[in-house]
Amino acid sequence: MNKAQLIEKLALRADITKSQAENFLDATLEVIQKAVAKGEEVKLVGFGSFSRSSRKSRKGRNPKTGAPVEIPGVKVPRFKPGKEFKELMN
């Protein structure tokens, strides 16, 4: 399912227009992204939680030359599904 299909399903489910559904979805995603970027955890009971995690720096190799390269540490978003979401999968 892509974003347009999700918006269409949201509009039908909530009995709103597609543009209202798109605005709501965009606003929701923006709020989650900004909160996680600040280091906050966003918990949606039954669905899951979004958080920020850190990857340590590590050594790698340049595939062309084989020379060692230092890969810097970065912060990455994480999603952990909730219990009800996991149960729905099985």
PDB file of N, CA and C in Angstrom:
ATOM      1  N   MET A   1       0.853  -1.171   0.000  1.00  0.00           N
ATOM      2  CA  MET A   1       0.000   0.000   0.000  1.00  0.00           C
ATOM      3  C   MET A   1       0.898   1.233   0.000  1.00  0.00           C
ATOM      4  N   ASN A   2       0.606   2.164  -0.899  1.00  0.00           N
ATOM      5  CA  ASN A   2       1.377   3.401  -0.926  1.00  0.00           C
ATOM      6  C   ASN A   2       0.587   4.517  -0.220  1.00  0.00           C
ATOM      7  N   LYS A   3       1.150   5.712  -0.195  1.00  0.00           N
ATOM      8  CA  LYS A   3       0.542   6.817   0.548  1.00  0.00           C
ATOM      9  C   LYS A   3      -0.839   7.176  -0.006  1.00  0.00           C
ATOM     10  N   ALA A   4      -0.982   7.209  -1.334  1.00  0.00           N
ATOM     11  CA  ALA A   4      -2.268   7.566  -1.941  1.00  0.00           C
ATOM     12  C   ALA A   4      -3.347   6.551  -1.571  1.00  0.00           C
ATOM     13  N   GLN A   5      -2.993   5.279  -1.553  1.00  0.00           N
ATOM     14  CA  GLN A   5      -3.955   4.241  -1.179  1.00  0.00           C
ATOM     15  C   GLN A   5      -4.328   4.358   0.300  1.00  0.00           C
ATOM     16  N   LEU A   6      -3.345   4.657   1.132  1.00  0.00           N
ATOM     17  CA  LEU A   6      -3.610   4.840   2.560  1.00  0.00           C
ATOM     18  C   LEU A   6      -4.548   6.016   2.790  1.00  0.00           C
ATOM     19  N   ILE A   7      -4.306   7.115   2.090  1.00  0.00           N
ATOM     20  CA  ILE A   7      -5.159   8.303   2.209  1.00  0.00           C
ATOM     21  C   ILE A   7      -6.586   7.967   1.792  1.00  0.00           C
ATOM     22  N   GLU A   8      -6.738   7.215   0.720  1.00  0.00           N
ATOM     23  CA  GLU A   8      -8.073   6.833   0.253  1.00  0.00           C
ATOM     24  C   GLU A   8      -8.808   5.997   1.298  1.00  0.00           C
ATOM     25  N   LYS A   9      -8.105   5.036   1.902  1.00  0.00           N
ATOM     26  CA  LYS A   9      -8.719   4.187   2.935  1.00  0.00           C
ATOM     27  C   LYS A   9      -9.065   4.995   4.187  1.00  0.00           C
ATOM     28  N   LEU A  10      -8.169   5.921   4.571  1.00  0.00           N
ATOM     29  CA  LEU A  10      -8.452   6.784   5.723  1.00  0.00           C
ATOM     30  C   LEU A  10      -9.694   7.637   5.480  1.00  0.00           C
ATOM     31  N   ALA A  11      -9.797   8.194   4.288  1.00  0.00           N
ATOM     32  CA  ALA A  11     -10.938   9.044   3.953  1.00  0.00           C
ATOM     33  C   ALA A  11     -12.239   8.254   4.032  1.00  0.00           C
ATOM     34  N   LEU A  12     -12.233   7.035   3.507  1.00  0.00           N
ATOM     35  CA  LEU A  12     -13.437   6.204   3.560  1.00  0.00           C
ATOM     36  C   LEU A  12     -13.777   5.810   4.991  1.00  0.00           C
ATOM     37  N   ARG A  13     -12.770   5.405   5.743  1.00  0.00           N
ATOM     38  CA  ARG A  13     -12.972   4.923   7.120  1.00  0.00           C
ATOM     39  C   ARG A  13     -13.471   6.035   8.044  1.00  0.00           C
ATOM     40  N   ALA A  14     -12.901   7.238   7.895  1.00  0.00           N
ATOM     41  CA  ALA A  14     -13.244   8.355   8.779  1.00  0.00           C
ATOM     42  C   ALA A  14     -14.372   9.223   8.222  1.00  0.00           C
ATOM     43  N   ASP A  15     -14.846   8.890   7.010  1.00  0.00           N
ATOM     44  CA  ASP A  15     -15.911   9.645   6.354  1.00  0.00           C
ATOM     45  C   ASP A  15     -15.539  11.118   6.215  1.00  0.00           C
ATOM     46  N   ILE A  16     -14.337  11.348   5.658  1.00  0.00           N
ATOM     47  CA  ILE A  16     -13.843  12.699   5.388  1.00  0.00           C
ATOM     48  C   ILE A  16     -13.338  12.742   3.947  1.00  0.00           C
ATOM     49  N   THR A  17     -13.012  13.929   3.460  1.00  0.00           N
ATOM     50  CA  THR A  17     -12.503  14.044   2.095  1.00  0.00           C
ATOM     51  C   THR A  17     -11.064  13.557   2.032  1.00  0.00           C
ATOM     52  N   LYS A  18     -10.625  13.262   0.822  1.00  0.00           N
ATOM     53  CA  LYS A  18      -9.242  12.802   0.641  1.00  0.00           C
ATOM     54  C   LYS A  18      -8.243  13.888   1.036  1.00  0.00           C
ATOM     55  N   SER A  19      -8.556  15.140   0.742  1.00  0.00           N
ATOM     56  CA  SER A  19      -7.623  16.220   1.098  1.00  0.00           C
ATOM     57  C   SER A  19      -7.534  16.381   2.614  1.00  0.00           C
ATOM     58  N   GLN A  20      -8.651  16.199   3.314  1.00  0.00           N
ATOM     59  CA  GLN A  20      -8.612  16.254   4.780  1.00  0.00           C
ATOM     60  C   GLN A  20      -7.795  15.084   5.328  1.00  0.00           C
ATOM     61  N   ALA A  21      -7.973  13.910   4.750  1.00  0.00           N
ATOM     62  CA  ALA A  21      -7.229  12.733   5.188  1.00  0.00           C
ATOM     63  C   ALA A  21      -5.728  12.922   4.930  1.00  0.00           C
ATOM     64  N   GLU A  22      -5.397  13.502   3.779  1.00  0.00           N
ATOM     65  CA  GLU A  22      -3.987  13.736   3.454  1.00  0.00           C
ATOM     66  C   GLU A  22      -3.374  14.746   4.430  1.00  0.00           C
ATOM     67  N   ASN A  23      -4.095  15.818   4.727  1.00  0.00           N
ATOM     68  CA  ASN A  23      -3.600  16.825   5.678  1.00  0.00           C
ATOM     69  C   ASN A  23      -3.383  16.205   7.058  1.00  0.00           C
ATOM     70  N   PHE A  24      -4.330  15.377   7.481  1.00  0.00           N
ATOM     71  CA  PHE A  24      -4.218  14.723   8.776  1.00  0.00           C
ATOM     72  C   PHE A  24      -3.019  13.778   8.814  1.00  0.00           C
ATOM     73  N   LEU A  25      -2.862  12.971   7.775  1.00  0.00           N
ATOM     74  CA  LEU A  25      -1.742  12.030   7.717  1.00  0.00           C
ATOM     75  C   LEU A  25      -0.404  12.771   7.701  1.00  0.00           C
ATOM     76  N   ASP A  26      -0.301  13.804   6.874  1.00  0.00           N
ATOM     77  CA  ASP A  26       0.939  14.588   6.803  1.00  0.00           C
ATOM     78  C   ASP A  26       1.279  15.224   8.151  1.00  0.00           C
ATOM     79  N   ALA A  27       0.268  15.775   8.821  1.00  0.00           N
ATOM     80  CA  ALA A  27       0.489  16.407  10.121  1.00  0.00           C
ATOM     81  C   ALA A  27       0.919  15.369  11.158  1.00  0.00           C
ATOM     82  N   THR A  28       0.285  14.209  11.144  1.00  0.00           N
ATOM     83  CA  THR A  28       0.624  13.150  12.091  1.00  0.00           C
ATOM     84  C   THR A  28       2.065  12.698  11.905  1.00  0.00           C
ATOM     85  N   LEU A  29       2.444  12.437  10.665  1.00  0.00           N
ATOM     86  CA  LEU A  29       3.813  11.986  10.381  1.00  0.00           C
ATOM     87  C   LEU A  29       4.839  13.052  10.755  1.00  0.00           C
ATOM     88  N   GLU A  30       4.515  14.308  10.491  1.00  0.00           N
ATOM     89  CA  GLU A  30       5.428  15.407  10.827  1.00  0.00           C
ATOM     90  C   GLU A  30       5.643  15.505  12.338  1.00  0.00           C
ATOM     91  N   VAL A  31       4.569  15.382  13.096  1.00  0.00           N
ATOM     92  CA  VAL A  31       4.670  15.453  14.557  1.00  0.00           C
ATOM     93  C   VAL A  31       5.525  14.295  15.083  1.00  0.00           C
ATOM     94  N   ILE A  32       5.301  13.093  14.569  1.00  0.00           N
ATOM     95  CA  ILE A  32       6.084  11.924  15.001  1.00  0.00           C
ATOM     96  C   ILE A  32       7.551  12.119  14.648  1.00  0.00           C
ATOM     97  N   GLN A  33       7.836  12.545  13.419  1.00  0.00           N
ATOM     98  CA  GLN A  33       9.224  12.727  12.982  1.00  0.00           C
ATOM     99  C   GLN A  33       9.957  13.767  13.824  1.00  0.00           C
ATOM    100  N   LYS A  34       9.311  14.890  14.084  1.00  0.00           N
ATOM    101  CA  LYS A  34       9.963  15.947  14.867  1.00  0.00           C
ATOM    102  C   LYS A  34      10.208  15.501  16.305  1.00  0.00           C
ATOM    103  N   ALA A  35       9.254  14.783  16.888  1.00  0.00           N
ATOM    104  CA  ALA A  35       9.415  14.309  18.268  1.00  0.00           C
ATOM    105  C   ALA A  35      10.561  13.314  18.358  1.00  0.00           C
ATOM    106  N   VAL A  36      10.623  12.368  17.439  1.00  0.00           N
ATOM    107  CA  VAL A  36      11.686  11.356  17.463  1.00  0.00           C
ATOM    108  C   VAL A  36      13.041  12.011  17.192  1.00  0.00           C
ATOM    109  N   ALA A  37      13.078  12.994  16.288  1.00  0.00           N
ATOM    110  CA  ALA A  37      14.333  13.695  15.994  1.00  0.00           C
ATOM    111  C   ALA A  37      14.868  14.413  17.230  1.00  0.00           C
ATOM    112  N   LYS A  38      13.961  14.892  18.112  1.00  0.00           N
ATOM    113  CA  LYS A  38      14.376  15.551  19.351  1.00  0.00           C
ATOM    114  C   LYS A  38      14.819  14.553  20.418  1.00  0.00           C
ATOM    115  N   GLY A  39      14.575  13.277  20.170  1.00  0.00           N
ATOM    116  CA  GLY A  39      14.954  12.259  21.149  1.00  0.00           C
ATOM    117  C   GLY A  39      13.790  11.774  21.993  1.00  0.00           C
ATOM    118  N   GLU A  40      12.587  12.261  21.700  1.00  0.00           N
ATOM    119  CA  GLU A  40      11.412  11.823  22.441  1.00  0.00           C
ATOM    120  C   GLU A  40      10.929  10.488  21.893  1.00  0.00           C
ATOM    121  N   GLU A  41      10.231   9.727  22.734  1.00  0.00           N
ATOM    122  CA  GLU A  41       9.635   8.472  22.289  1.00  0.00           C
ATOM    123  C   GLU A  41       8.144   8.701  22.083  1.00  0.00           C
ATOM    124  N   VAL A  42       7.623   8.211  20.969  1.00  0.00           N
ATOM    125  CA  VAL A  42       6.202   8.336  20.665  1.00  0.00           C
ATOM    126  C   VAL A  42       5.592   6.937  20.792  1.00  0.00           C
ATOM    127  N   LYS A  43       4.681   6.778  21.776  1.00  0.00           N
ATOM    128  CA  LYS A  43       4.057   5.486  22.028  1.00  0.00           C
ATOM    129  C   LYS A  43       2.596   5.536  21.622  1.00  0.00           C
ATOM    130  N   LEU A  44       2.201   4.620  20.766  1.00  0.00           N
ATOM    131  CA  LEU A  44       0.809   4.475  20.355  1.00  0.00           C
ATOM    132  C   LEU A  44       0.361   3.111  20.859  1.00  0.00           C
ATOM    133  N   VAL A  45      -0.389   3.096  21.961  1.00  0.00           N
ATOM    134  CA  VAL A  45      -0.779   1.855  22.621  1.00  0.00           C
ATOM    135  C   VAL A  45      -1.492   0.938  21.633  1.00  0.00           C
ATOM    136  N   GLY A  46      -1.047  -0.306  21.578  1.00  0.00           N
ATOM    137  CA  GLY A  46      -1.620  -1.292  20.685  1.00  0.00           C
ATOM    138  C   GLY A  46      -0.978  -1.308  19.312  1.00  0.00           C
ATOM    139  N   PHE A  47      -0.353  -0.207  18.911  1.00  0.00           N
ATOM    140  CA  PHE A  47       0.290  -0.137  17.598  1.00  0.00           C
ATOM    141  C   PHE A  47       1.795  -0.323  17.724  1.00  0.00           C
ATOM    142  N   GLY A  48       2.444   0.536  18.532  1.00  0.00           N
ATOM    143  CA  GLY A  48       3.878   0.427  18.709  1.00  0.00           C
ATOM    144  C   GLY A  48       4.483   1.732  19.174  1.00  0.00           C
ATOM    145  N   SER A  49       5.805   1.753  19.218  1.00  0.00           N
ATOM    146  CA  SER A  49       6.488   2.967  19.662  1.00  0.00           C
ATOM    147  C   SER A  49       7.626   3.315  18.710  1.00  0.00           C
ATOM    148  N   PHE A  50       7.796   4.607  18.516  1.00  0.00           N
ATOM    149  CA  PHE A  50       8.858   5.152  17.684  1.00  0.00           C
ATOM    150  C   PHE A  50       9.884   5.775  18.619  1.00  0.00           C
ATOM    151  N   SER A  51      11.160   5.514  18.363  1.00  0.00           N
ATOM    152  CA  SER A  51      12.209   6.094  19.195  1.00  0.00           C
ATOM    153  C   SER A  51      13.450   6.343  18.349  1.00  0.00           C
ATOM    154  N   ARG A  52      14.419   7.002  18.958  1.00  0.00           N
ATOM    155  CA  ARG A  52      15.690   7.290  18.296  1.00  0.00           C
ATOM    156  C   ARG A  52      16.759   6.421  18.923  1.00  0.00           C
ATOM    157  N   SER A  53      17.616   5.875  18.098  1.00  0.00           N
ATOM    158  CA  SER A  53      18.696   5.020  18.557  1.00  0.00           C
ATOM    159  C   SER A  53      20.001   5.508  17.938  1.00  0.00           C
ATOM    160  N   SER A  54      21.103   5.140  18.552  1.00  0.00           N
ATOM    161  CA  SER A  54      22.412   5.535  18.028  1.00  0.00           C
ATOM    162  C   SER A  54      23.168   4.320  17.518  1.00  0.00           C
ATOM    163  N   ARG A  55      23.797   4.493  16.372  1.00  0.00           N
ATOM    164  CA  ARG A  55      24.702   3.471  15.847  1.00  0.00           C
ATOM    165  C   ARG A  55      26.112   3.946  16.117  1.00  0.00           C
ATOM    166  N   LYS A  56      26.933   3.078  16.658  1.00  0.00           N
ATOM    167  CA  LYS A  56      28.319   3.437  16.937  1.00  0.00           C
ATOM    168  C   LYS A  56      29.114   3.546  15.647  1.00  0.00           C
ATOM    169  N   SER A  57      30.205   4.306  15.700  1.00  0.00           N
ATOM    170  CA  SER A  57      31.078   4.368  14.536  1.00  0.00           C
ATOM    171  C   SER A  57      31.773   3.015  14.392  1.00  0.00           C
ATOM    172  N   ARG A  58      32.112   2.689  13.170  1.00  0.00           N
ATOM    173  CA  ARG A  58      32.745   1.398  12.922  1.00  0.00           C
ATOM    174  C   ARG A  58      33.697   1.497  11.741  1.00  0.00           C
ATOM    175  N   LYS A  59      34.503   0.466  11.581  1.00  0.00           N
ATOM    176  CA  LYS A  59      35.456   0.440  10.470  1.00  0.00           C
ATOM    177  C   LYS A  59      34.853  -0.359   9.324  1.00  0.00           C
ATOM    178  N   GLY A  60      35.066   0.142   8.118  1.00  0.00           N
ATOM    179  CA  GLY A  60      34.602  -0.533   6.917  1.00  0.00           C
ATOM    180  C   GLY A  60      35.698  -0.520   5.871  1.00  0.00           C
ATOM    181  N   ARG A  61      35.366  -0.968   4.699  1.00  0.00           N
ATOM    182  CA  ARG A  61      36.332  -0.973   3.594  1.00  0.00           C
ATOM    183  C   ARG A  61      35.703  -0.342   2.364  1.00  0.00           C
ATOM    184  N   ASN A  62      36.504   0.443   1.649  1.00  0.00           N
ATOM    185  CA  ASN A  62      36.080   0.991   0.377  1.00  0.00           C
ATOM    186  C   ASN A  62      36.025  -0.182  -0.610  1.00  0.00           C
ATOM    187  N   PRO A  63      34.853  -0.469  -1.207  1.00  0.00           N
ATOM    188  CA  PRO A  63      34.770  -1.635  -2.084  1.00  0.00           C
ATOM    189  C   PRO A  63      35.628  -1.531  -3.343  1.00  0.00           C
ATOM    190  N   LYS A  64      35.931  -0.315  -3.798  1.00  0.00           N
ATOM    191  CA  LYS A  64      36.763  -0.145  -4.990  1.00  0.00           C
ATOM    192  C   LYS A  64      38.236  -0.402  -4.712  1.00  0.00           C
ATOM    193  N   THR A  65      38.729   0.228  -3.643  1.00  0.00           N
ATOM    194  CA  THR A  65      40.169   0.175  -3.377  1.00  0.00           C
ATOM    195  C   THR A  65      40.542  -0.813  -2.285  1.00  0.00           C
ATOM    196  N   GLY A  66      39.589  -1.185  -1.460  1.00  0.00           N
ATOM    197  CA  GLY A  66      39.887  -2.075  -0.338  1.00  0.00           C
ATOM    198  C   GLY A  66      40.502  -1.340   0.849  1.00  0.00           C
ATOM    199  N   ALA A  67      40.648  -0.030   0.727  1.00  0.00           N
ATOM    200  CA  ALA A  67      41.248   0.760   1.802  1.00  0.00           C
ATOM    201  C   ALA A  67      40.297   0.844   2.998  1.00  0.00           C
ATOM    202  N   PRO A  68      40.848   0.787   4.212  1.00  0.00           N
ATOM    203  CA  PRO A  68      39.986   0.920   5.393  1.00  0.00           C
ATOM    204  C   PRO A  68      39.380   2.324   5.480  1.00  0.00           C
ATOM    205  N   VAL A  69      38.128   2.374   5.921  1.00  0.00           N
ATOM    206  CA  VAL A  69      37.397   3.629   6.027  1.00  0.00           C
ATOM    207  C   VAL A  69      36.694   3.651   7.383  1.00  0.00           C
ATOM    208  N   GLU A  70      36.696   4.807   8.029  1.00  0.00           N
ATOM    209  CA  GLU A  70      35.977   4.966   9.292  1.00  0.00           C
ATOM    210  C   GLU A  70      34.560   5.416   8.971  1.00  0.00           C
ATOM    211  N   ILE A  71      33.564   4.619   9.374  1.00  0.00           N
ATOM    212  CA  ILE A  71      32.158   4.959   9.170  1.00  0.00           C
ATOM    213  C   ILE A  71      31.670   5.633  10.447  1.00  0.00           C
ATOM    214  N   PRO A  72      31.254   6.895  10.361  1.00  0.00           N
ATOM    215  CA  PRO A  72      30.868   7.626  11.581  1.00  0.00           C
ATOM    216  C   PRO A  72      29.569   7.087  12.190  1.00  0.00           C
ATOM    217  N   GLY A  73      29.412   7.299  13.477  1.00  0.00           N
ATOM    218  CA  GLY A  73      28.182   6.925  14.165  1.00  0.00           C
ATOM    219  C   GLY A  73      27.050   7.858  13.756  1.00  0.00           C
ATOM    220  N   VAL A  74      25.839   7.342  13.750  1.00  0.00           N
ATOM    221  CA  VAL A  74      24.670   8.131  13.363  1.00  0.00           C
ATOM    222  C   VAL A  74      23.493   7.819  14.284  1.00  0.00           C
ATOM    223  N   LYS A  75      22.526   8.702  14.278  1.00  0.00           N
ATOM    224  CA  LYS A  75      21.287   8.469  15.005  1.00  0.00           C
ATOM    225  C   LYS A  75      20.248   7.990  13.987  1.00  0.00           C
ATOM    226  N   VAL A  76      19.494   6.949  14.331  1.00  0.00           N
ATOM    227  CA  VAL A  76      18.517   6.370  13.416  1.00  0.00           C
ATOM    228  C   VAL A  76      17.170   6.185  14.105  1.00  0.00           C
ATOM    229  N   PRO A  77      16.071   6.266  13.347  1.00  0.00           N
ATOM    230  CA  PRO A  77      14.753   6.018  13.940  1.00  0.00           C
ATOM    231  C   PRO A  77      14.529   4.516  14.120  1.00  0.00           C
ATOM    232  N   ARG A  78      13.793   4.154  15.145  1.00  0.00           N
ATOM    233  CA  ARG A  78      13.447   2.758  15.422  1.00  0.00           C
ATOM    234  C   ARG A  78      11.950   2.657  15.632  1.00  0.00           C
ATOM    235  N   PHE A  79      11.391   1.534  15.237  1.00  0.00           N
ATOM    236  CA  PHE A  79       9.977   1.252  15.497  1.00  0.00           C
ATOM    237  C   PHE A  79       9.883  -0.112  16.152  1.00  0.00           C
ATOM    238  N   LYS A  80       9.171  -0.173  17.264  1.00  0.00           N
ATOM    239  CA  LYS A  80       8.945  -1.432  17.956  1.00  0.00           C
ATOM    240  C   LYS A  80       7.441  -1.676  17.977  1.00  0.00           C
ATOM    241  N   PRO A  81       6.971  -2.716  17.291  1.00  0.00           N
ATOM    242  CA  PRO A  81       5.529  -2.958  17.266  1.00  0.00           C
ATOM    243  C   PRO A  81       4.991  -3.326  18.642  1.00  0.00           C
ATOM    244  N   GLY A  82       3.741  -2.928  18.897  1.00  0.00           N
ATOM    245  CA  GLY A  82       3.079  -3.233  20.159  1.00  0.00           C
ATOM    246  C   GLY A  82       2.553  -4.657  20.184  1.00  0.00           C
ATOM    247  N   LYS A  83       2.134  -5.097  21.340  1.00  0.00           N
ATOM    248  CA  LYS A  83       1.662  -6.464  21.551  1.00  0.00           C
ATOM    249  C   LYS A  83       0.483  -6.803  20.631  1.00  0.00           C
ATOM    250  N   GLU A  84      -0.505  -5.915  20.568  1.00  0.00           N
ATOM    251  CA  GLU A  84      -1.684  -6.182  19.745  1.00  0.00           C
ATOM    252  C   GLU A  84      -1.324  -6.261  18.262  1.00  0.00           C
ATOM    253  N   PHE A  85      -0.395  -5.423  17.814  1.00  0.00           N
ATOM    254  CA  PHE A  85       0.046  -5.429  16.421  1.00  0.00           C
ATOM    255  C   PHE A  85       0.753  -6.753  16.119  1.00  0.00           C
ATOM    256  N   LYS A  86       1.603  -7.206  17.030  1.00  0.00           N
ATOM    257  CA  LYS A  86       2.315  -8.473  16.850  1.00  0.00           C
ATOM    258  C   LYS A  86       1.329  -9.631  16.780  1.00  0.00           C
ATOM    259  N   GLU A  87       0.330  -9.614  17.671  1.00  0.00           N
ATOM    260  CA  GLU A  87      -0.649 -10.688  17.695  1.00  0.00           C
ATOM    261  C   GLU A  87      -1.476 -10.735  16.416  1.00  0.00           C
ATOM    262  N   LEU A  88      -1.733  -9.594  15.824  1.00  0.00           N
ATOM    263  CA  LEU A  88      -2.489  -9.520  14.588  1.00  0.00           C
ATOM    264  C   LEU A  88      -1.740 -10.211  13.436  1.00  0.00           C
ATOM    265  N   MET A  89      -0.432 -10.234  13.508  1.00  0.00           N
ATOM    266  CA  MET A  89       0.381 -10.840  12.455  1.00  0.00           C
ATOM    267  C   MET A  89       0.288 -12.361  12.461  1.00  0.00           C
ATOM    268  N   ASN A  90      -0.067 -12.951  13.580  1.00  0.00           N
ATOM    269  CA  ASN A  90      -0.082 -14.422  13.668  1.00  0.00           C
ATOM    270  C   ASN A  90      -1.459 -14.990  13.749  1.00  0.00           C
TER     271      ASN A  90
END
